[in-house]
Amino acid sequence: MIELSSKQRKILEKYAQALSPVVIVGQNGVTAAVGEMVNTSLVSHELVKISFNDFKEEKRNLTAALAEKYGAALVRIIGNKAILYRPAEKTADRRYEKELNKL
């Protein structure tokens, strides 16, 4: 799992504000399909917002498990939304690396 400093988290939070949730955890919880959607979204976008419509009490544990399983960093949980970050595999495709490394 990736370790982020508090300043890096702050930068990623700023970028995540404009994002809409691409993954929604509903009545079935974190299924294999939800996990695959998280992984696919991380590959495509690097920064992903997850909305918890159900399982709100378990959101911290579920988000931590997703982050660990897919090699992402938990940026923040705000209300019933969680933000995950995983840099793209190819260095040329990384959108946020320049901002994160100039600290």
N, C-alpha and C. Protein backbone atom coordinates (compact mmCIF):
# COMPACT_ATOMS: atom_id res chain seq x y z
N MET A 1 0.84 -1.18 0.00
CA MET A 1 0.00 0.00 0.00
C MET A 1 0.88 1.25 0.00
N ILE A 2 0.42 2.27 -0.63
CA ILE A 2 1.16 3.52 -0.79
C ILE A 2 1.02 4.37 0.47
N GLU A 3 2.10 5.00 0.89
CA GLU A 3 2.06 5.92 2.01
C GLU A 3 2.09 7.34 1.49
N LEU A 4 1.16 8.15 1.95
CA LEU A 4 1.08 9.55 1.54
C LEU A 4 1.32 10.45 2.75
N SER A 5 1.99 11.57 2.50
CA SER A 5 2.15 12.55 3.57
C SER A 5 0.86 13.36 3.69
N SER A 6 0.73 14.11 4.74
CA SER A 6 -0.48 14.91 4.93
C SER A 6 -0.62 15.97 3.84
N LYS A 7 0.48 16.50 3.36
CA LYS A 7 0.42 17.50 2.28
C LYS A 7 -0.02 16.85 0.97
N GLN A 8 0.46 15.65 0.71
CA GLN A 8 0.03 14.94 -0.49
C GLN A 8 -1.46 14.60 -0.42
N ARG A 9 -1.92 14.20 0.74
CA ARG A 9 -3.35 13.92 0.92
C ARG A 9 -4.18 15.17 0.64
N LYS A 10 -3.71 16.30 1.12
CA LYS A 10 -4.42 17.56 0.94
C LYS A 10 -4.55 17.89 -0.55
N ILE A 11 -3.48 17.69 -1.31
CA ILE A 11 -3.50 17.96 -2.75
C ILE A 11 -4.50 17.03 -3.43
N LEU A 12 -4.47 15.75 -3.09
CA LEU A 12 -5.39 14.80 -3.71
C LEU A 12 -6.84 15.08 -3.31
N GLU A 13 -7.06 15.53 -2.09
CA GLU A 13 -8.41 15.90 -1.67
C GLU A 13 -8.93 17.05 -2.52
N LYS A 14 -8.06 18.00 -2.82
CA LYS A 14 -8.44 19.14 -3.65
C LYS A 14 -8.90 18.67 -5.03
N TYR A 15 -8.16 17.75 -5.63
CA TYR A 15 -8.53 17.24 -6.95
C TYR A 15 -9.80 16.38 -6.88
N ALA A 16 -9.99 15.69 -5.78
CA ALA A 16 -11.15 14.80 -5.65
C ALA A 16 -12.46 15.55 -5.44
N GLN A 17 -12.39 16.80 -5.01
CA GLN A 17 -13.60 17.58 -4.77
C GLN A 17 -14.51 17.62 -5.99
N ALA A 18 -13.94 17.77 -7.15
CA ALA A 18 -14.72 17.91 -8.38
C ALA A 18 -15.20 16.56 -8.93
N LEU A 19 -14.68 15.47 -8.39
CA LEU A 19 -15.04 14.15 -8.91
C LEU A 19 -16.39 13.69 -8.41
N SER A 20 -17.09 12.98 -9.26
CA SER A 20 -18.31 12.28 -8.86
C SER A 20 -17.94 10.86 -8.47
N PRO A 21 -18.67 10.25 -7.55
CA PRO A 21 -18.37 8.86 -7.19
C PRO A 21 -18.55 7.94 -8.40
N VAL A 22 -17.57 7.11 -8.67
CA VAL A 22 -17.67 6.17 -9.78
C VAL A 22 -18.01 4.77 -9.29
N VAL A 23 -17.85 4.55 -7.99
CA VAL A 23 -18.18 3.26 -7.40
C VAL A 23 -19.17 3.52 -6.26
N ILE A 24 -20.25 2.75 -6.25
CA ILE A 24 -21.26 2.90 -5.21
C ILE A 24 -21.44 1.57 -4.49
N VAL A 25 -21.31 1.60 -3.17
CA VAL A 25 -21.52 0.41 -2.36
C VAL A 25 -22.97 0.45 -1.90
N GLY A 26 -23.74 -0.52 -2.36
CA GLY A 26 -25.17 -0.56 -2.06
C GLY A 26 -25.52 -1.67 -1.10
N GLN A 27 -26.72 -2.18 -1.24
CA GLN A 27 -27.26 -3.16 -0.29
C GLN A 27 -26.52 -4.49 -0.27
N ASN A 28 -25.79 -4.81 -1.34
CA ASN A 28 -25.05 -6.08 -1.38
C ASN A 28 -23.64 -5.95 -0.80
N GLY A 29 -23.24 -4.76 -0.45
CA GLY A 29 -21.92 -4.56 0.16
C GLY A 29 -20.81 -4.56 -0.88
N VAL A 30 -19.62 -4.89 -0.41
CA VAL A 30 -18.45 -4.92 -1.29
C VAL A 30 -18.37 -6.32 -1.90
N THR A 31 -18.94 -6.45 -3.06
CA THR A 31 -18.93 -7.72 -3.79
C THR A 31 -17.71 -7.77 -4.69
N ALA A 32 -17.53 -8.89 -5.36
CA ALA A 32 -16.43 -9.03 -6.32
C ALA A 32 -16.57 -8.00 -7.44
N ALA A 33 -17.81 -7.73 -7.84
CA ALA A 33 -18.04 -6.75 -8.91
C ALA A 33 -17.65 -5.35 -8.46
N VAL A 34 -17.93 -5.00 -7.22
CA VAL A 34 -17.54 -3.69 -6.69
C VAL A 34 -16.01 -3.61 -6.63
N GLY A 35 -15.36 -4.66 -6.17
CA GLY A 35 -13.90 -4.69 -6.13
C GLY A 35 -13.29 -4.53 -7.51
N GLU A 36 -13.85 -5.22 -8.49
CA GLU A 36 -13.35 -5.10 -9.87
C GLU A 36 -13.56 -3.69 -10.41
N MET A 37 -14.70 -3.08 -10.06
CA MET A 37 -14.96 -1.72 -10.49
C MET A 37 -13.96 -0.74 -9.87
N VAL A 38 -13.61 -0.95 -8.61
CA VAL A 38 -12.60 -0.12 -7.95
C VAL A 38 -11.27 -0.25 -8.67
N ASN A 39 -10.86 -1.49 -8.96
CA ASN A 39 -9.59 -1.72 -9.63
C ASN A 39 -9.57 -1.10 -11.02
N THR A 40 -10.62 -1.31 -11.79
CA THR A 40 -10.71 -0.74 -13.14
C THR A 40 -10.70 0.79 -13.09
N SER A 41 -11.40 1.36 -12.14
CA SER A 41 -11.45 2.81 -12.00
C SER A 41 -10.09 3.38 -11.61
N LEU A 42 -9.37 2.67 -10.74
CA LEU A 42 -8.03 3.12 -10.36
C LEU A 42 -7.08 3.09 -11.55
N VAL A 43 -7.21 2.07 -12.38
CA VAL A 43 -6.37 1.98 -13.59
C VAL A 43 -6.68 3.16 -14.52
N SER A 44 -7.95 3.47 -14.68
CA SER A 44 -8.36 4.52 -15.61
C SER A 44 -8.13 5.93 -15.08
N HIS A 45 -8.41 6.14 -13.79
CA HIS A 45 -8.46 7.50 -13.26
C HIS A 45 -7.41 7.84 -12.21
N GLU A 46 -6.79 6.87 -11.60
CA GLU A 46 -5.84 7.04 -10.49
C GLU A 46 -6.50 7.49 -9.19
N LEU A 47 -7.39 8.45 -9.26
CA LEU A 47 -8.06 8.99 -8.08
C LEU A 47 -9.54 8.65 -8.19
N VAL A 48 -10.07 7.93 -7.20
CA VAL A 48 -11.43 7.39 -7.28
C VAL A 48 -12.21 7.76 -6.03
N LYS A 49 -13.45 8.17 -6.24
CA LYS A 49 -14.35 8.45 -5.12
C LYS A 49 -15.38 7.33 -5.04
N ILE A 50 -15.55 6.80 -3.83
CA ILE A 50 -16.50 5.71 -3.58
C ILE A 50 -17.60 6.24 -2.66
N SER A 51 -18.83 5.97 -3.04
CA SER A 51 -19.97 6.39 -2.24
C SER A 51 -20.57 5.19 -1.51
N PHE A 52 -20.84 5.36 -0.23
CA PHE A 52 -21.46 4.30 0.57
C PHE A 52 -22.92 4.65 0.80
N ASN A 53 -23.81 4.02 0.05
CA ASN A 53 -25.25 4.19 0.26
C ASN A 53 -25.73 3.29 1.39
N ASP A 54 -25.11 2.14 1.55
CA ASP A 54 -25.37 1.22 2.64
C ASP A 54 -24.01 0.87 3.27
N PHE A 55 -24.04 0.12 4.35
CA PHE A 55 -22.82 -0.28 5.06
C PHE A 55 -22.02 0.93 5.53
N LYS A 56 -22.73 1.97 5.93
CA LYS A 56 -22.07 3.22 6.34
C LYS A 56 -21.24 3.06 7.61
N GLU A 57 -21.68 2.19 8.51
CA GLU A 57 -20.94 1.98 9.75
C GLU A 57 -19.62 1.23 9.51
N GLU A 58 -19.57 0.43 8.45
CA GLU A 58 -18.37 -0.36 8.15
C GLU A 58 -17.48 0.29 7.09
N LYS A 59 -17.78 1.51 6.71
CA LYS A 59 -17.07 2.13 5.57
C LYS A 59 -15.56 2.22 5.78
N ARG A 60 -15.12 2.48 7.00
CA ARG A 60 -13.67 2.58 7.25
C ARG A 60 -12.97 1.24 7.02
N ASN A 61 -13.54 0.18 7.56
CA ASN A 61 -12.94 -1.15 7.39
C ASN A 61 -13.02 -1.61 5.94
N LEU A 62 -14.16 -1.39 5.30
CA LEU A 62 -14.32 -1.81 3.91
C LEU A 62 -13.38 -1.05 2.98
N THR A 63 -13.25 0.24 3.20
CA THR A 63 -12.36 1.05 2.36
C THR A 63 -10.90 0.65 2.57
N ALA A 64 -10.52 0.42 3.82
CA ALA A 64 -9.14 -0.01 4.11
C ALA A 64 -8.85 -1.36 3.44
N ALA A 65 -9.82 -2.26 3.47
CA ALA A 65 -9.64 -3.57 2.83
C ALA A 65 -9.51 -3.43 1.32
N LEU A 66 -10.32 -2.57 0.71
CA LEU A 66 -10.22 -2.34 -0.74
C LEU A 66 -8.86 -1.73 -1.09
N ALA A 67 -8.42 -0.76 -0.31
CA ALA A 67 -7.13 -0.11 -0.57
C ALA A 67 -5.99 -1.12 -0.48
N GLU A 68 -6.02 -1.96 0.53
CA GLU A 68 -4.97 -2.96 0.69
C GLU A 68 -4.99 -3.99 -0.44
N LYS A 69 -6.18 -4.46 -0.78
CA LYS A 69 -6.31 -5.49 -1.81
C LYS A 69 -5.84 -5.01 -3.18
N TYR A 70 -6.11 -3.74 -3.50
CA TYR A 70 -5.78 -3.23 -4.83
C TYR A 70 -4.57 -2.30 -4.84
N GLY A 71 -3.81 -2.27 -3.76
CA GLY A 71 -2.56 -1.51 -3.73
C GLY A 71 -2.75 -0.02 -3.84
N ALA A 72 -3.81 0.49 -3.24
CA ALA A 72 -4.10 1.92 -3.31
C ALA A 72 -3.88 2.55 -1.94
N ALA A 73 -3.89 3.86 -1.93
CA ALA A 73 -3.78 4.61 -0.68
C ALA A 73 -5.14 5.21 -0.35
N LEU A 74 -5.52 5.10 0.90
CA LEU A 74 -6.74 5.75 1.35
C LEU A 74 -6.40 7.21 1.61
N VAL A 75 -6.97 8.08 0.79
CA VAL A 75 -6.69 9.50 0.92
C VAL A 75 -7.50 10.07 2.08
N ARG A 76 -8.82 9.83 2.05
CA ARG A 76 -9.67 10.39 3.09
C ARG A 76 -11.06 9.78 3.03
N ILE A 77 -11.73 9.77 4.14
CA ILE A 77 -13.15 9.44 4.19
C ILE A 77 -13.86 10.68 4.71
N ILE A 78 -14.75 11.20 3.90
CA ILE A 78 -15.51 12.39 4.27
C ILE A 78 -16.99 12.03 4.17
N GLY A 79 -17.67 12.05 5.30
CA GLY A 79 -19.07 11.66 5.31
C GLY A 79 -19.20 10.21 4.88
N ASN A 80 -19.98 9.97 3.85
CA ASN A 80 -20.16 8.62 3.32
C ASN A 80 -19.44 8.43 2.00
N LYS A 81 -18.40 9.22 1.77
CA LYS A 81 -17.59 9.12 0.57
C LYS A 81 -16.14 8.81 0.96
N ALA A 82 -15.53 7.93 0.21
CA ALA A 82 -14.13 7.58 0.44
C ALA A 82 -13.34 7.90 -0.83
N ILE A 83 -12.09 8.31 -0.66
CA ILE A 83 -11.22 8.65 -1.78
C ILE A 83 -10.02 7.72 -1.75
N LEU A 84 -9.78 7.04 -2.87
CA LEU A 84 -8.61 6.16 -3.02
C LEU A 84 -7.73 6.68 -4.13
N TYR A 85 -6.41 6.45 -3.98
CA TYR A 85 -5.44 6.88 -4.99
C TYR A 85 -4.45 5.76 -5.24
N ARG A 86 -4.19 5.52 -6.52
CA ARG A 86 -3.13 4.61 -6.94
C ARG A 86 -2.54 5.16 -8.22
N PRO A 87 -1.24 5.46 -8.24
CA PRO A 87 -0.64 6.01 -9.46
C PRO A 87 -0.69 5.01 -10.61
N ALA A 88 -0.75 5.55 -11.82
CA ALA A 88 -0.77 4.71 -13.02
C ALA A 88 0.54 3.93 -13.12
N GLU A 89 0.46 2.77 -13.77
CA GLU A 89 1.66 1.93 -13.91
C GLU A 89 2.72 2.62 -14.75
N LYS A 90 2.31 3.23 -15.86
CA LYS A 90 3.25 3.94 -16.72
C LYS A 90 3.48 5.35 -16.19
N THR A 91 4.73 5.72 -16.04
CA THR A 91 5.07 7.03 -15.50
C THR A 91 4.47 8.16 -16.35
N ALA A 92 4.43 7.98 -17.65
CA ALA A 92 3.90 9.02 -18.55
C ALA A 92 2.41 9.26 -18.34
N ASP A 93 1.69 8.28 -17.81
CA ASP A 93 0.24 8.39 -17.63
C ASP A 93 -0.16 8.96 -16.27
N ARG A 94 0.79 9.24 -15.42
CA ARG A 94 0.49 9.71 -14.06
C ARG A 94 0.09 11.18 -14.09
N ARG A 95 -1.13 11.45 -13.65
CA ARG A 95 -1.69 12.80 -13.69
C ARG A 95 -1.27 13.67 -12.51
N TYR A 96 -1.11 13.08 -11.36
CA TYR A 96 -0.92 13.85 -10.13
C TYR A 96 0.50 13.80 -9.58
N GLU A 97 1.35 13.00 -10.20
CA GLU A 97 2.69 12.79 -9.66
C GLU A 97 3.51 14.08 -9.56
N LYS A 98 3.41 14.92 -10.56
CA LYS A 98 4.17 16.16 -10.57
C LYS A 98 3.80 17.03 -9.36
N GLU A 99 2.51 17.15 -9.10
CA GLU A 99 2.04 17.93 -7.95
C GLU A 99 2.48 17.30 -6.64
N LEU A 100 2.40 15.98 -6.56
CA LEU A 100 2.72 15.29 -5.31
C LEU A 100 4.22 15.31 -5.01
N ASN A 101 5.05 15.31 -6.05
CA ASN A 101 6.49 15.24 -5.84
C ASN A 101 7.17 16.58 -5.67
N LYS A 102 6.46 17.67 -5.93
CA LYS A 102 7.11 18.97 -5.80
C LYS A 102 7.11 19.48 -4.37
N LEU A 103 6.57 18.71 -3.45
CA LEU A 103 6.55 19.11 -2.04
C LEU A 103 7.90 18.93 -1.40
